[in-house]
Amino acid sequence: MEISQLWKILIWGWVASEIYIGFATRTRSSAGKVKDRGSLVVLWVTITLAITAGETIHYSMPPNLFGGAHWLMVAAIFLLIAGVALRWTAILSLGKAFSSNVAIRDTQTIYRGGLYRFMRHPSYTGMLMAFLATGLQERNWISLIAIIVPTTAALLYRIHVEEAALNEAFGAQYASYSKQTKRLIPGIY
């Protein structure tokens, strides 16, 4: 199997898993307090437009990232696998408390186990790794920027919305947790 075929299988597998997550884990208003503020729509639209722009640039300009080095494809595959694994580990460890839209259930508590001991949003870190992998796979600086900058901005907005909802729901308890852990990168941010 060629590396480009493997990439296509993995990327479409990731897309399918995100669609599944979006529908299977969505909290309805009857099951909890939905505080999404449109962030899910912003995220999906931004992701779609950013990846489309990156692909368009990729096909209209020659590879120029590190001279279009072929090893970037291999790095992208490993980064995509690691990002998706991180995201799914975070989602599965939260179980029913995970929701694709920002929502707080009445029975929900702050989970501090697993990856959540080190960062507050490991599933978003996994997404960012997948976006970085997508940008690297394009092997073009402009494609990389077109994918990374908007998706990161959309995720930061989403994190802002989510943390506001968690602060409202858990107050001092969430503030204490926030002081002990970083958002996306353990020990850094």
N, C-alpha and C. Protein backbone atom coordinates (compact mmCIF):
# COMPACT_ATOMS: atom_id res chain seq x y z
N MET A 1 0.85 -1.18 0.00
CA MET A 1 0.00 0.00 0.00
C MET A 1 0.90 1.24 0.00
N GLU A 2 0.56 2.18 -0.85
CA GLU A 2 1.30 3.43 -0.91
C GLU A 2 0.94 4.31 0.27
N ILE A 3 1.87 5.19 0.62
CA ILE A 3 1.67 6.07 1.76
C ILE A 3 0.48 7.01 1.54
N SER A 4 0.27 7.44 0.31
CA SER A 4 -0.86 8.34 0.03
C SER A 4 -2.20 7.61 0.21
N GLN A 5 -2.23 6.32 -0.12
CA GLN A 5 -3.46 5.54 0.10
C GLN A 5 -3.72 5.36 1.59
N LEU A 6 -2.67 5.08 2.34
CA LEU A 6 -2.80 4.94 3.79
C LEU A 6 -3.31 6.25 4.40
N TRP A 7 -2.78 7.38 3.93
CA TRP A 7 -3.24 8.68 4.43
C TRP A 7 -4.73 8.86 4.17
N LYS A 8 -5.17 8.54 2.95
CA LYS A 8 -6.59 8.70 2.61
C LYS A 8 -7.48 7.84 3.50
N ILE A 9 -7.07 6.62 3.76
CA ILE A 9 -7.85 5.73 4.64
C ILE A 9 -7.92 6.32 6.04
N LEU A 10 -6.79 6.77 6.56
CA LEU A 10 -6.75 7.32 7.92
C LEU A 10 -7.53 8.63 8.04
N ILE A 11 -7.38 9.51 7.06
CA ILE A 11 -8.05 10.80 7.15
C ILE A 11 -9.57 10.63 7.05
N TRP A 12 -10.03 9.73 6.16
CA TRP A 12 -11.47 9.51 6.06
C TRP A 12 -12.00 8.76 7.29
N GLY A 13 -11.17 7.93 7.88
CA GLY A 13 -11.54 7.28 9.15
C GLY A 13 -11.71 8.30 10.26
N TRP A 14 -10.80 9.28 10.29
CA TRP A 14 -10.90 10.35 11.28
C TRP A 14 -12.16 11.18 11.05
N VAL A 15 -12.41 11.56 9.81
CA VAL A 15 -13.61 12.34 9.49
C VAL A 15 -14.87 11.57 9.92
N ALA A 16 -14.92 10.28 9.60
CA ALA A 16 -16.07 9.46 9.99
C ALA A 16 -16.22 9.41 11.51
N SER A 17 -15.10 9.31 12.23
CA SER A 17 -15.18 9.26 13.69
C SER A 17 -15.67 10.58 14.26
N GLU A 18 -15.29 11.70 13.63
CA GLU A 18 -15.77 13.01 14.10
C GLU A 18 -17.27 13.18 13.85
N ILE A 19 -17.74 12.69 12.72
CA ILE A 19 -19.18 12.74 12.43
C ILE A 19 -19.93 11.88 13.45
N TYR A 20 -19.40 10.71 13.73
CA TYR A 20 -20.01 9.84 14.74
C TYR A 20 -20.05 10.54 16.10
N ILE A 21 -18.93 11.12 16.51
CA ILE A 21 -18.88 11.83 17.79
C ILE A 21 -19.92 12.95 17.82
N GLY A 22 -20.00 13.69 16.72
CA GLY A 22 -20.93 14.81 16.64
C GLY A 22 -22.38 14.42 16.86
N PHE A 23 -22.77 13.29 16.31
CA PHE A 23 -24.15 12.86 16.44
C PHE A 23 -24.40 12.00 17.68
N ALA A 24 -23.49 11.10 17.98
CA ALA A 24 -23.71 10.14 19.07
C ALA A 24 -23.58 10.75 20.46
N THR A 25 -22.82 11.84 20.60
CA THR A 25 -22.59 12.38 21.94
C THR A 25 -23.27 13.72 22.18
N ARG A 26 -24.09 14.14 21.28
CA ARG A 26 -24.76 15.43 21.42
C ARG A 26 -25.76 15.39 22.57
N THR A 27 -25.68 16.37 23.45
CA THR A 27 -26.61 16.46 24.58
C THR A 27 -27.81 17.29 24.15
N ARG A 28 -28.97 16.76 24.38
CA ARG A 28 -30.20 17.49 24.09
C ARG A 28 -30.56 18.35 25.30
N SER A 29 -31.34 19.41 25.07
CA SER A 29 -31.71 20.30 26.18
C SER A 29 -32.43 19.58 27.30
N SER A 30 -33.13 18.51 26.99
CA SER A 30 -33.85 17.78 28.02
C SER A 30 -32.92 16.98 28.93
N ALA A 31 -31.69 16.74 28.47
CA ALA A 31 -30.75 15.93 29.25
C ALA A 31 -29.73 16.78 30.02
N GLY A 32 -29.68 18.07 29.77
CA GLY A 32 -28.71 18.92 30.46
C GLY A 32 -28.84 20.36 30.01
N LYS A 33 -28.04 21.22 30.62
CA LYS A 33 -28.04 22.65 30.30
C LYS A 33 -27.07 22.89 29.14
N VAL A 34 -27.61 23.14 27.96
CA VAL A 34 -26.79 23.36 26.78
C VAL A 34 -26.33 24.82 26.79
N LYS A 35 -25.02 25.01 26.73
CA LYS A 35 -24.41 26.35 26.79
C LYS A 35 -23.47 26.56 25.61
N ASP A 36 -23.80 26.02 24.47
CA ASP A 36 -22.91 25.94 23.31
C ASP A 36 -22.61 27.30 22.66
N ARG A 37 -23.56 28.23 22.70
CA ARG A 37 -23.40 29.57 22.11
C ARG A 37 -22.92 29.52 20.67
N GLY A 38 -23.36 28.52 19.92
CA GLY A 38 -23.02 28.42 18.50
C GLY A 38 -21.61 27.95 18.22
N SER A 39 -20.87 27.56 19.25
CA SER A 39 -19.46 27.19 19.04
C SER A 39 -19.30 25.93 18.22
N LEU A 40 -20.25 25.02 18.28
CA LEU A 40 -20.15 23.79 17.49
C LEU A 40 -20.28 24.11 16.00
N VAL A 41 -21.21 24.98 15.65
CA VAL A 41 -21.38 25.39 14.26
C VAL A 41 -20.14 26.15 13.78
N VAL A 42 -19.64 27.06 14.60
CA VAL A 42 -18.43 27.81 14.25
C VAL A 42 -17.28 26.83 13.99
N LEU A 43 -17.14 25.84 14.85
CA LEU A 43 -16.07 24.87 14.72
C LEU A 43 -16.19 24.07 13.43
N TRP A 44 -17.37 23.51 13.15
CA TRP A 44 -17.55 22.69 11.95
C TRP A 44 -17.36 23.50 10.66
N VAL A 45 -17.90 24.71 10.62
CA VAL A 45 -17.76 25.56 9.43
C VAL A 45 -16.29 25.92 9.22
N THR A 46 -15.62 26.31 10.30
CA THR A 46 -14.20 26.68 10.21
C THR A 46 -13.35 25.51 9.76
N ILE A 47 -13.57 24.34 10.32
CA ILE A 47 -12.80 23.16 9.95
C ILE A 47 -12.99 22.86 8.46
N THR A 48 -14.23 22.87 8.02
CA THR A 48 -14.53 22.57 6.62
C THR A 48 -13.86 23.57 5.68
N LEU A 49 -14.00 24.86 5.98
CA LEU A 49 -13.42 25.88 5.11
C LEU A 49 -11.89 25.86 5.14
N ALA A 50 -11.31 25.65 6.33
CA ALA A 50 -9.84 25.65 6.46
C ALA A 50 -9.22 24.48 5.71
N ILE A 51 -9.79 23.30 5.87
CA ILE A 51 -9.23 22.14 5.18
C ILE A 51 -9.45 22.24 3.67
N THR A 52 -10.60 22.76 3.27
CA THR A 52 -10.85 22.98 1.83
C THR A 52 -9.84 23.98 1.27
N ALA A 53 -9.58 25.06 2.00
CA ALA A 53 -8.59 26.05 1.55
C ALA A 53 -7.20 25.42 1.47
N GLY A 54 -6.84 24.64 2.48
CA GLY A 54 -5.54 23.98 2.47
C GLY A 54 -5.38 23.05 1.29
N GLU A 55 -6.42 22.28 1.00
CA GLU A 55 -6.39 21.37 -0.15
C GLU A 55 -6.30 22.14 -1.47
N THR A 56 -7.06 23.22 -1.59
CA THR A 56 -7.05 24.02 -2.81
C THR A 56 -5.66 24.60 -3.05
N ILE A 57 -5.05 25.12 -1.99
CA ILE A 57 -3.70 25.67 -2.10
C ILE A 57 -2.72 24.56 -2.48
N HIS A 58 -2.87 23.41 -1.86
CA HIS A 58 -1.99 22.26 -2.15
C HIS A 58 -2.00 21.92 -3.64
N TYR A 59 -3.17 21.93 -4.25
CA TYR A 59 -3.27 21.55 -5.67
C TYR A 59 -2.91 22.69 -6.62
N SER A 60 -2.83 23.92 -6.11
CA SER A 60 -2.51 25.03 -7.00
C SER A 60 -1.07 25.53 -6.86
N MET A 61 -0.35 25.04 -5.84
CA MET A 61 1.03 25.46 -5.62
C MET A 61 1.91 24.24 -5.39
N PRO A 62 3.15 24.31 -5.77
CA PRO A 62 4.04 23.16 -5.54
C PRO A 62 4.37 23.01 -4.05
N PRO A 63 4.71 21.80 -3.62
CA PRO A 63 5.12 21.59 -2.23
C PRO A 63 6.37 22.41 -1.91
N ASN A 64 6.34 23.18 -0.82
CA ASN A 64 7.49 24.01 -0.46
C ASN A 64 7.87 23.89 1.02
N LEU A 65 7.13 23.11 1.77
CA LEU A 65 7.43 22.92 3.18
C LEU A 65 8.61 21.96 3.30
N PHE A 66 9.74 22.44 3.79
CA PHE A 66 10.98 21.66 3.85
C PHE A 66 11.30 21.04 2.49
N GLY A 67 11.10 21.83 1.45
CA GLY A 67 11.40 21.36 0.09
C GLY A 67 10.43 20.30 -0.39
N GLY A 68 9.24 20.21 0.23
CA GLY A 68 8.26 19.19 -0.16
C GLY A 68 8.69 17.79 0.24
N ALA A 69 9.50 17.71 1.29
CA ALA A 69 10.07 16.43 1.72
C ALA A 69 9.02 15.35 1.92
N HIS A 70 9.34 14.16 1.41
CA HIS A 70 8.42 13.03 1.49
C HIS A 70 8.22 12.55 2.93
N TRP A 71 9.24 12.74 3.79
CA TRP A 71 9.11 12.30 5.18
C TRP A 71 7.98 13.03 5.92
N LEU A 72 7.54 14.18 5.40
CA LEU A 72 6.42 14.89 6.02
C LEU A 72 5.14 14.06 5.98
N MET A 73 4.99 13.26 4.93
CA MET A 73 3.82 12.38 4.82
C MET A 73 3.84 11.34 5.94
N VAL A 74 5.00 10.78 6.20
CA VAL A 74 5.15 9.78 7.26
C VAL A 74 4.90 10.43 8.62
N ALA A 75 5.47 11.62 8.84
CA ALA A 75 5.26 12.35 10.10
C ALA A 75 3.78 12.67 10.27
N ALA A 76 3.12 13.07 9.19
CA ALA A 76 1.69 13.40 9.26
C ALA A 76 0.86 12.18 9.66
N ILE A 77 1.19 11.03 9.13
CA ILE A 77 0.46 9.81 9.48
C ILE A 77 0.60 9.49 10.96
N PHE A 78 1.82 9.55 11.47
CA PHE A 78 2.04 9.27 12.90
C PHE A 78 1.35 10.30 13.78
N LEU A 79 1.41 11.57 13.37
CA LEU A 79 0.77 12.63 14.14
C LEU A 79 -0.76 12.49 14.13
N LEU A 80 -1.31 12.12 12.98
CA LEU A 80 -2.75 11.91 12.89
C LEU A 80 -3.19 10.75 13.79
N ILE A 81 -2.48 9.65 13.74
CA ILE A 81 -2.81 8.50 14.59
C ILE A 81 -2.72 8.89 16.07
N ALA A 82 -1.66 9.59 16.44
CA ALA A 82 -1.49 10.01 17.84
C ALA A 82 -2.59 10.97 18.27
N GLY A 83 -2.94 11.91 17.40
CA GLY A 83 -3.99 12.88 17.72
C GLY A 83 -5.35 12.23 17.89
N VAL A 84 -5.70 11.35 16.97
CA VAL A 84 -7.00 10.66 17.06
C VAL A 84 -7.03 9.75 18.29
N ALA A 85 -5.92 9.08 18.58
CA ALA A 85 -5.85 8.22 19.77
C ALA A 85 -6.01 9.05 21.04
N LEU A 86 -5.36 10.21 21.09
CA LEU A 86 -5.48 11.09 22.25
C LEU A 86 -6.93 11.57 22.40
N ARG A 87 -7.53 11.97 21.30
CA ARG A 87 -8.92 12.47 21.35
C ARG A 87 -9.87 11.39 21.83
N TRP A 88 -9.76 10.19 21.26
CA TRP A 88 -10.66 9.11 21.65
C TRP A 88 -10.42 8.67 23.10
N THR A 89 -9.17 8.66 23.55
CA THR A 89 -8.89 8.32 24.94
C THR A 89 -9.56 9.31 25.87
N ALA A 90 -9.47 10.59 25.54
CA ALA A 90 -10.10 11.63 26.36
C ALA A 90 -11.62 11.47 26.37
N ILE A 91 -12.20 11.22 25.22
CA ILE A 91 -13.65 11.07 25.11
C ILE A 91 -14.13 9.85 25.89
N LEU A 92 -13.47 8.73 25.70
CA LEU A 92 -13.89 7.50 26.38
C LEU A 92 -13.70 7.59 27.89
N SER A 93 -12.67 8.29 28.33
CA SER A 93 -12.47 8.41 29.78
C SER A 93 -13.56 9.26 30.43
N LEU A 94 -14.12 10.22 29.70
CA LEU A 94 -15.23 11.01 30.25
C LEU A 94 -16.56 10.25 30.21
N GLY A 95 -16.67 9.32 29.29
CA GLY A 95 -17.89 8.53 29.19
C GLY A 95 -19.09 9.41 28.86
N LYS A 96 -20.18 9.23 29.60
CA LYS A 96 -21.42 9.97 29.31
C LYS A 96 -21.30 11.46 29.61
N ALA A 97 -20.28 11.86 30.33
CA ALA A 97 -20.09 13.29 30.62
C ALA A 97 -19.60 14.04 29.38
N PHE A 98 -19.05 13.32 28.38
CA PHE A 98 -18.60 13.98 27.16
C PHE A 98 -19.80 14.33 26.30
N SER A 99 -19.75 15.52 25.71
CA SER A 99 -20.81 15.96 24.82
C SER A 99 -20.18 16.73 23.67
N SER A 100 -20.68 16.50 22.45
CA SER A 100 -20.13 17.22 21.30
C SER A 100 -20.52 18.69 21.33
N ASN A 101 -21.63 19.00 21.98
CA ASN A 101 -21.97 20.40 22.19
C ASN A 101 -21.67 20.73 23.65
N VAL A 102 -21.47 21.98 23.95
CA VAL A 102 -21.15 22.37 25.33
C VAL A 102 -22.43 22.25 26.15
N ALA A 103 -22.42 21.30 27.08
CA ALA A 103 -23.59 21.06 27.91
C ALA A 103 -23.15 20.52 29.26
N ILE A 104 -23.87 20.90 30.30
CA ILE A 104 -23.60 20.43 31.65
C ILE A 104 -24.82 19.65 32.12
N ARG A 105 -24.58 18.41 32.53
CA ARG A 105 -25.68 17.58 33.06
C ARG A 105 -25.77 17.80 34.57
N ASP A 106 -26.97 17.61 35.11
CA ASP A 106 -27.18 17.82 36.54
C ASP A 106 -26.30 16.91 37.40
N THR A 107 -26.02 15.71 36.92
CA THR A 107 -25.24 14.74 37.69
C THR A 107 -23.74 14.83 37.43
N GLN A 108 -23.34 15.76 36.57
CA GLN A 108 -21.94 15.86 36.15
C GLN A 108 -21.05 16.41 37.26
N THR A 109 -19.83 15.92 37.29
CA THR A 109 -18.80 16.42 38.20
C THR A 109 -17.54 16.72 37.38
N ILE A 110 -16.57 17.33 38.01
CA ILE A 110 -15.30 17.60 37.33
C ILE A 110 -14.47 16.33 37.39
N TYR A 111 -14.12 15.83 36.22
CA TYR A 111 -13.32 14.61 36.13
C TYR A 111 -11.85 15.00 36.13
N ARG A 112 -11.07 14.43 37.05
CA ARG A 112 -9.66 14.77 37.18
C ARG A 112 -8.74 13.58 36.95
N GLY A 113 -9.25 12.52 36.40
CA GLY A 113 -8.44 11.32 36.19
C GLY A 113 -7.85 11.26 34.79
N GLY A 114 -7.07 10.24 34.55
CA GLY A 114 -6.49 9.99 33.22
C GLY A 114 -5.77 11.20 32.67
N LEU A 115 -6.01 11.50 31.42
CA LEU A 115 -5.38 12.64 30.76
C LEU A 115 -5.77 13.97 31.41
N TYR A 116 -6.93 14.00 32.06
CA TYR A 116 -7.43 15.23 32.66
C TYR A 116 -6.65 15.62 33.91
N ARG A 117 -5.74 14.80 34.37
CA ARG A 117 -4.82 15.18 35.45
C ARG A 117 -3.79 16.16 34.93
N PHE A 118 -3.51 16.11 33.63
CA PHE A 118 -2.43 16.89 33.05
C PHE A 118 -2.91 18.10 32.24
N MET A 119 -4.11 18.01 31.68
CA MET A 119 -4.65 19.12 30.87
C MET A 119 -6.18 19.07 30.92
N ARG A 120 -6.78 20.25 30.74
CA ARG A 120 -8.24 20.34 30.86
C ARG A 120 -8.96 19.94 29.57
N HIS A 121 -8.29 20.01 28.44
CA HIS A 121 -8.97 19.75 27.16
C HIS A 121 -8.16 18.81 26.26
N PRO A 122 -7.89 17.59 26.72
CA PRO A 122 -7.07 16.68 25.90
C PRO A 122 -7.72 16.30 24.56
N SER A 123 -9.05 16.30 24.51
CA SER A 123 -9.68 15.95 23.23
C SER A 123 -9.41 17.04 22.19
N TYR A 124 -9.33 18.29 22.63
CA TYR A 124 -9.01 19.38 21.70
C TYR A 124 -7.53 19.34 21.31
N THR A 125 -6.67 18.93 22.23
CA THR A 125 -5.27 18.76 21.88
C THR A 125 -5.14 17.71 20.78
N GLY A 126 -5.90 16.63 20.90
CA GLY A 126 -5.91 15.60 19.86
C GLY A 126 -6.39 16.14 18.53
N MET A 127 -7.42 16.98 18.56
CA MET A 127 -7.90 17.59 17.31
C MET A 127 -6.83 18.48 16.69
N LEU A 128 -6.18 19.28 17.52
CA LEU A 128 -5.13 20.16 17.00
C LEU A 128 -3.99 19.36 16.38
N MET A 129 -3.66 18.23 16.98
CA MET A 129 -2.64 17.36 16.40
C MET A 129 -3.09 16.83 15.03
N ALA A 130 -4.36 16.50 14.91
CA ALA A 130 -4.90 16.02 13.63
C ALA A 130 -4.88 17.13 12.58
N PHE A 131 -5.19 18.36 13.00
CA PHE A 131 -5.13 19.49 12.05
C PHE A 131 -3.70 19.75 11.63
N LEU A 132 -2.76 19.67 12.56
CA LEU A 132 -1.34 19.84 12.23
C LEU A 132 -0.90 18.76 11.24
N ALA A 133 -1.34 17.53 11.49
CA ALA A 133 -1.02 16.43 10.58
C ALA A 133 -1.57 16.71 9.18
N THR A 134 -2.78 17.22 9.12
CA THR A 134 -3.40 17.53 7.83
C THR A 134 -2.59 18.61 7.10
N GLY A 135 -2.19 19.64 7.85
CA GLY A 135 -1.38 20.69 7.24
C GLY A 135 -0.01 20.21 6.78
N LEU A 136 0.63 19.36 7.59
CA LEU A 136 1.93 18.81 7.21
C LEU A 136 1.82 17.94 5.96
N GLN A 137 0.76 17.19 5.87
CA GLN A 137 0.56 16.29 4.73
C GLN A 137 0.48 17.07 3.43
N GLU A 138 0.00 18.30 3.50
CA GLU A 138 -0.10 19.13 2.28
C GLU A 138 1.29 19.53 1.77
N ARG A 139 2.29 19.54 2.65
CA ARG A 139 3.67 19.86 2.32
C ARG A 139 3.84 21.25 1.68
N ASN A 140 3.03 22.20 2.17
CA ASN A 140 3.06 23.56 1.65
C ASN A 140 2.84 24.50 2.83
N TRP A 141 3.72 25.50 2.99
CA TRP A 141 3.62 26.42 4.12
C TRP A 141 2.27 27.14 4.16
N ILE A 142 1.80 27.60 3.03
CA ILE A 142 0.54 28.35 3.00
C ILE A 142 -0.63 27.44 3.35
N SER A 143 -0.62 26.22 2.85
CA SER A 143 -1.66 25.24 3.21
C SER A 143 -1.64 24.97 4.72
N LEU A 144 -0.45 24.79 5.25
CA LEU A 144 -0.31 24.54 6.69
C LEU A 144 -0.92 25.68 7.50
N ILE A 145 -0.58 26.91 7.14
CA ILE A 145 -1.11 28.08 7.85
C ILE A 145 -2.63 28.19 7.66
N ALA A 146 -3.10 27.94 6.43
CA ALA A 146 -4.54 28.03 6.14
C ALA A 146 -5.35 27.02 6.94
N ILE A 147 -4.73 25.90 7.30
CA ILE A 147 -5.44 24.88 8.09
C ILE A 147 -5.29 25.16 9.59
N ILE A 148 -4.08 25.46 10.03
CA ILE A 148 -3.81 25.57 11.47
C ILE A 148 -4.40 26.83 12.11
N VAL A 149 -4.22 27.99 11.49
CA VAL A 149 -4.63 29.24 12.14
C VAL A 149 -6.14 29.31 12.38
N PRO A 150 -6.99 29.10 11.38
CA PRO A 150 -8.43 29.21 11.65
C PRO A 150 -8.96 28.12 12.59
N THR A 151 -8.47 26.89 12.44
CA THR A 151 -8.98 25.83 13.30
C THR A 151 -8.56 26.04 14.75
N THR A 152 -7.34 26.53 14.94
CA THR A 152 -6.89 26.83 16.30
C THR A 152 -7.72 27.96 16.90
N ALA A 153 -7.99 28.99 16.11
CA ALA A 153 -8.83 30.11 16.59
C ALA A 153 -10.23 29.62 16.96
N ALA A 154 -10.81 28.76 16.13
CA ALA A 154 -12.15 28.23 16.42
C ALA A 154 -12.13 27.38 17.69
N LEU A 155 -11.09 26.57 17.86
CA LEU A 155 -10.99 25.75 19.08
C LEU A 155 -10.78 26.61 20.31
N LEU A 156 -10.02 27.68 20.19
CA LEU A 156 -9.83 28.58 21.34
C LEU A 156 -11.14 29.27 21.72
N TYR A 157 -11.95 29.62 20.73
CA TYR A 157 -13.28 30.16 21.02
C TYR A 157 -14.13 29.10 21.74
N ARG A 158 -14.07 27.90 21.23
CA ARG A 158 -14.83 26.79 21.83
C ARG A 158 -14.40 26.56 23.28
N ILE A 159 -13.10 26.60 23.53
CA ILE A 159 -12.58 26.42 24.89
C ILE A 159 -13.09 27.55 25.80
N HIS A 160 -13.10 28.77 25.28
CA HIS A 160 -13.62 29.92 26.04
C HIS A 160 -15.07 29.68 26.44
N VAL A 161 -15.88 29.24 25.51
CA VAL A 161 -17.30 28.96 25.77
C VAL A 161 -17.44 27.83 26.80
N GLU A 162 -16.68 26.78 26.60
CA GLU A 162 -16.76 25.62 27.50
C GLU A 162 -16.31 25.97 28.92
N GLU A 163 -15.23 26.71 29.03
CA GLU A 163 -14.74 27.07 30.36
C GLU A 163 -15.69 28.03 31.07
N ALA A 164 -16.34 28.90 30.33
CA ALA A 164 -17.34 29.79 30.93
C ALA A 164 -18.49 28.96 31.51
N ALA A 165 -18.94 27.95 30.76
CA ALA A 165 -20.02 27.07 31.24
C ALA A 165 -19.58 26.27 32.46
N LEU A 166 -18.35 25.77 32.45
CA LEU A 166 -17.85 25.00 33.59
C LEU A 166 -17.64 25.88 34.81
N ASN A 167 -17.17 27.09 34.62
CA ASN A 167 -17.04 28.03 35.74
C ASN A 167 -18.39 28.37 36.34
N GLU A 168 -19.38 28.56 35.48
CA GLU A 168 -20.74 28.86 35.95
C GLU A 168 -21.31 27.68 36.73
N ALA A 169 -21.08 26.48 36.26
CA ALA A 169 -21.65 25.29 36.89
C ALA A 169 -20.91 24.88 38.16
N PHE A 170 -19.58 25.02 38.18
CA PHE A 170 -18.80 24.47 39.29
C PHE A 170 -18.04 25.51 40.11
N GLY A 171 -18.04 26.76 39.68
CA GLY A 171 -17.45 27.85 40.45
C GLY A 171 -16.03 27.61 40.93
N ALA A 172 -15.85 27.73 42.25
CA ALA A 172 -14.52 27.64 42.87
C ALA A 172 -13.87 26.28 42.62
N GLN A 173 -14.67 25.25 42.51
CA GLN A 173 -14.13 23.90 42.26
C GLN A 173 -13.43 23.85 40.89
N TYR A 174 -14.05 24.46 39.88
CA TYR A 174 -13.42 24.48 38.56
C TYR A 174 -12.25 25.45 38.53
N ALA A 175 -12.36 26.56 39.24
CA ALA A 175 -11.25 27.52 39.30
C ALA A 175 -10.01 26.86 39.91
N SER A 176 -10.21 26.05 40.93
CA SER A 176 -9.11 25.34 41.57
C SER A 176 -8.48 24.33 40.59
N TYR A 177 -9.32 23.60 39.89
CA TYR A 177 -8.84 22.64 38.89
C TYR A 177 -8.06 23.37 37.79
N SER A 178 -8.55 24.54 37.37
CA SER A 178 -7.90 25.32 36.33
C SER A 178 -6.50 25.77 36.75
N LYS A 179 -6.33 26.08 38.02
CA LYS A 179 -5.01 26.50 38.51
C LYS A 179 -4.03 25.34 38.53
N GLN A 180 -4.53 24.12 38.64
CA GLN A 180 -3.67 22.94 38.75
C GLN A 180 -3.30 22.33 37.40
N THR A 181 -4.06 22.66 36.35
CA THR A 181 -3.82 22.05 35.04
C THR A 181 -3.80 23.13 33.95
N LYS A 182 -3.10 22.84 32.89
CA LYS A 182 -3.08 23.72 31.72
C LYS A 182 -4.20 23.31 30.77
N ARG A 183 -4.51 24.18 29.82
CA ARG A 183 -5.61 23.89 28.89
C ARG A 183 -5.29 22.77 27.90
N LEU A 184 -4.21 22.94 27.12
CA LEU A 184 -3.98 22.07 25.98
C LEU A 184 -2.64 21.32 26.01
N ILE A 185 -1.62 21.96 26.56
CA ILE A 185 -0.28 21.37 26.56
C ILE A 185 0.21 21.31 28.00
N PRO A 186 0.38 20.12 28.55
CA PRO A 186 0.78 20.01 29.96
C PRO A 186 2.01 20.85 30.28
N GLY A 187 1.89 21.65 31.35
CA GLY A 187 3.00 22.47 31.81
C GLY A 187 3.29 23.72 31.01
N ILE A 188 2.60 23.89 29.86
CA ILE A 188 2.90 25.05 28.99
C ILE A 188 1.69 25.95 28.80
N TYR A 189 0.60 25.41 28.24
CA TYR A 189 -0.60 26.23 27.99
C TYR A 189 -1.84 25.40 28.20
